[in-house]
Amino acid sequence: MFDLQKALENPNLNPDNVVKCYHKYIEFSDGESPSQAIYLANMDEKMNEDIFLNDTQALLRPSLHFNPQEAYKIVKRELIEKI
């Protein structure tokens, strides 16, 4: 979630192109991707798990603040809902 949020902060990034790349990758790998509903259900479940929400902070420099709930809102809106 951290890396996706950081990528989306780049004004040169086009989220629609990221989604297109995702679809191309899925076609290349096995041709099947989870539906948007399944992806959202999986992420919504993870967003209630402490282990998922707290695993990133220990990897970041103390000066970096990361809020997984806020990051998820951004990633959900900009990427997942476009799948």
C-alpha atoms as a PDB file:
ATOM      1  CA  MET A   1       0.000   0.000   0.000  1.00  0.00           C
ATOM      2  CA  PHE A   2       2.867   2.343   0.854  1.00  0.00           C
ATOM      3  CA  ASP A   3       4.528   2.012  -2.539  1.00  0.00           C
ATOM      4  CA  LEU A   4       1.270   2.525  -4.419  1.00  0.00           C
ATOM      5  CA  GLN A   5       0.426   5.626  -2.396  1.00  0.00           C
ATOM      6  CA  LYS A   6       3.896   7.042  -3.016  1.00  0.00           C
ATOM      7  CA  ALA A   7       3.631   6.328  -6.737  1.00  0.00           C
ATOM      8  CA  LEU A   8       0.253   8.068  -6.890  1.00  0.00           C
ATOM      9  CA  GLU A   9       1.807  11.186  -5.359  1.00  0.00           C
ATOM     10  CA  ASN A  10       3.869  11.596  -8.536  1.00  0.00           C
ATOM     11  CA  PRO A  11       2.080  14.163 -10.730  1.00  0.00           C
ATOM     12  CA  ASN A  12       3.511  12.508 -13.859  1.00  0.00           C
ATOM     13  CA  LEU A  13       1.853   9.180 -13.101  1.00  0.00           C
ATOM     14  CA  ASN A  14      -1.295   8.396 -15.054  1.00  0.00           C
ATOM     15  CA  PRO A  15      -3.432   5.992 -12.962  1.00  0.00           C
ATOM     16  CA  ASP A  16      -5.314   4.874 -16.069  1.00  0.00           C
ATOM     17  CA  ASN A  17      -2.033   3.734 -17.607  1.00  0.00           C
ATOM     18  CA  VAL A  18      -1.196   1.825 -14.432  1.00  0.00           C
ATOM     19  CA  VAL A  19      -4.518  -0.014 -14.708  1.00  0.00           C
ATOM     20  CA  LYS A  20      -3.822  -0.770 -18.390  1.00  0.00           C
ATOM     21  CA  CYS A  21      -0.417  -2.181 -17.427  1.00  0.00           C
ATOM     22  CA  TYR A  22      -2.058  -4.283 -14.728  1.00  0.00           C
ATOM     23  CA  HIS A  23      -4.441  -5.794 -17.272  1.00  0.00           C
ATOM     24  CA  LYS A  24      -1.583  -6.495 -19.715  1.00  0.00           C
ATOM     25  CA  TYR A  25       0.404  -8.148 -16.945  1.00  0.00           C
ATOM     26  CA  ILE A  26      -2.554 -10.354 -16.015  1.00  0.00           C
ATOM     27  CA  GLU A  27      -3.031 -11.360 -19.656  1.00  0.00           C
ATOM     28  CA  PHE A  28       0.648 -12.283 -19.880  1.00  0.00           C
ATOM     29  CA  SER A  29       0.828 -14.163 -16.582  1.00  0.00           C
ATOM     30  CA  ASP A  30      -2.215 -16.428 -16.445  1.00  0.00           C
ATOM     31  CA  GLY A  31      -5.005 -14.481 -18.088  1.00  0.00           C
ATOM     32  CA  GLU A  32      -7.179 -14.337 -15.000  1.00  0.00           C
ATOM     33  CA  SER A  33      -7.456 -11.517 -12.539  1.00  0.00           C
ATOM     34  CA  PRO A  34      -9.750 -11.090  -9.591  1.00  0.00           C
ATOM     35  CA  SER A  35     -12.856  -9.081 -10.295  1.00  0.00           C
ATOM     36  CA  GLN A  36     -13.088  -5.637  -8.797  1.00  0.00           C
ATOM     37  CA  ALA A  37     -15.595  -6.955  -6.230  1.00  0.00           C
ATOM     38  CA  ILE A  38     -13.276  -9.779  -5.154  1.00  0.00           C
ATOM     39  CA  TYR A  39     -10.268  -7.460  -5.011  1.00  0.00           C
ATOM     40  CA  LEU A  40     -12.188  -4.936  -2.896  1.00  0.00           C
ATOM     41  CA  ALA A  41     -13.553  -7.622  -0.568  1.00  0.00           C
ATOM     42  CA  ASN A  42     -10.032  -8.985  -0.050  1.00  0.00           C
ATOM     43  CA  MET A  43      -8.602  -5.538   0.656  1.00  0.00           C
ATOM     44  CA  ASP A  44     -11.489  -4.537   2.929  1.00  0.00           C
ATOM     45  CA  GLU A  45     -10.827  -7.670   4.972  1.00  0.00           C
ATOM     46  CA  LYS A  46      -7.096  -6.932   5.174  1.00  0.00           C
ATOM     47  CA  MET A  47      -7.806  -3.369   6.293  1.00  0.00           C
ATOM     48  CA  ASN A  48      -9.269  -4.845   9.488  1.00  0.00           C
ATOM     49  CA  GLU A  49      -6.189  -6.956  10.288  1.00  0.00           C
ATOM     50  CA  ASP A  50      -3.639  -5.439  12.648  1.00  0.00           C
ATOM     51  CA  ILE A  51      -0.798  -7.476  11.170  1.00  0.00           C
ATOM     52  CA  PHE A  52      -1.505  -6.048   7.707  1.00  0.00           C
ATOM     53  CA  LEU A  53      -1.981  -2.496   8.955  1.00  0.00           C
ATOM     54  CA  ASN A  54       1.161  -2.456  11.084  1.00  0.00           C
ATOM     55  CA  ASP A  55       3.721  -4.363   9.018  1.00  0.00           C
ATOM     56  CA  THR A  56       4.996  -1.408   6.992  1.00  0.00           C
ATOM     57  CA  GLN A  57       5.803   1.135   9.686  1.00  0.00           C
ATOM     58  CA  ALA A  58       8.688  -0.940  11.076  1.00  0.00           C
ATOM     59  CA  LEU A  59      10.338  -0.854   7.635  1.00  0.00           C
ATOM     60  CA  LEU A  60      10.179   2.919   7.231  1.00  0.00           C
ATOM     61  CA  ARG A  61      12.500   5.592   8.505  1.00  0.00           C
ATOM     62  CA  PRO A  62      11.125   7.164  11.680  1.00  0.00           C
ATOM     63  CA  SER A  63      10.681  10.458   9.829  1.00  0.00           C
ATOM     64  CA  LEU A  64       8.237   8.892   7.357  1.00  0.00           C
ATOM     65  CA  HIS A  65       4.626   8.872   8.423  1.00  0.00           C
ATOM     66  CA  PHE A  66       2.368   6.252   6.853  1.00  0.00           C
ATOM     67  CA  ASN A  67      -1.329   5.876   7.485  1.00  0.00           C
ATOM     68  CA  PRO A  68      -2.556   2.677   5.816  1.00  0.00           C
ATOM     69  CA  GLN A  69      -6.210   3.711   6.120  1.00  0.00           C
ATOM     70  CA  GLU A  70      -5.585   6.956   4.229  1.00  0.00           C
ATOM     71  CA  ALA A  71      -3.370   5.180   1.708  1.00  0.00           C
ATOM     72  CA  TYR A  72      -6.101   2.637   1.042  1.00  0.00           C
ATOM     73  CA  LYS A  73      -8.648   5.376   0.338  1.00  0.00           C
ATOM     74  CA  ILE A  74      -6.325   6.851  -2.284  1.00  0.00           C
ATOM     75  CA  VAL A  75      -5.309   3.544  -3.856  1.00  0.00           C
ATOM     76  CA  LYS A  76      -8.901   2.330  -3.872  1.00  0.00           C
ATOM     77  CA  ARG A  77     -10.169   5.479  -5.584  1.00  0.00           C
ATOM     78  CA  GLU A  78      -7.312   5.889  -8.062  1.00  0.00           C
ATOM     79  CA  LEU A  79      -6.592   2.270  -8.974  1.00  0.00           C
ATOM     80  CA  ILE A  80      -8.729  -0.529  -7.554  1.00  0.00           C
ATOM     81  CA  GLU A  81     -12.058   1.009  -8.522  1.00  0.00           C
ATOM     82  CA  LYS A  82     -10.760   1.281 -12.107  1.00  0.00           C
ATOM     83  CA  ILE A  83      -9.944  -2.413 -12.449  1.00  0.00           C
END
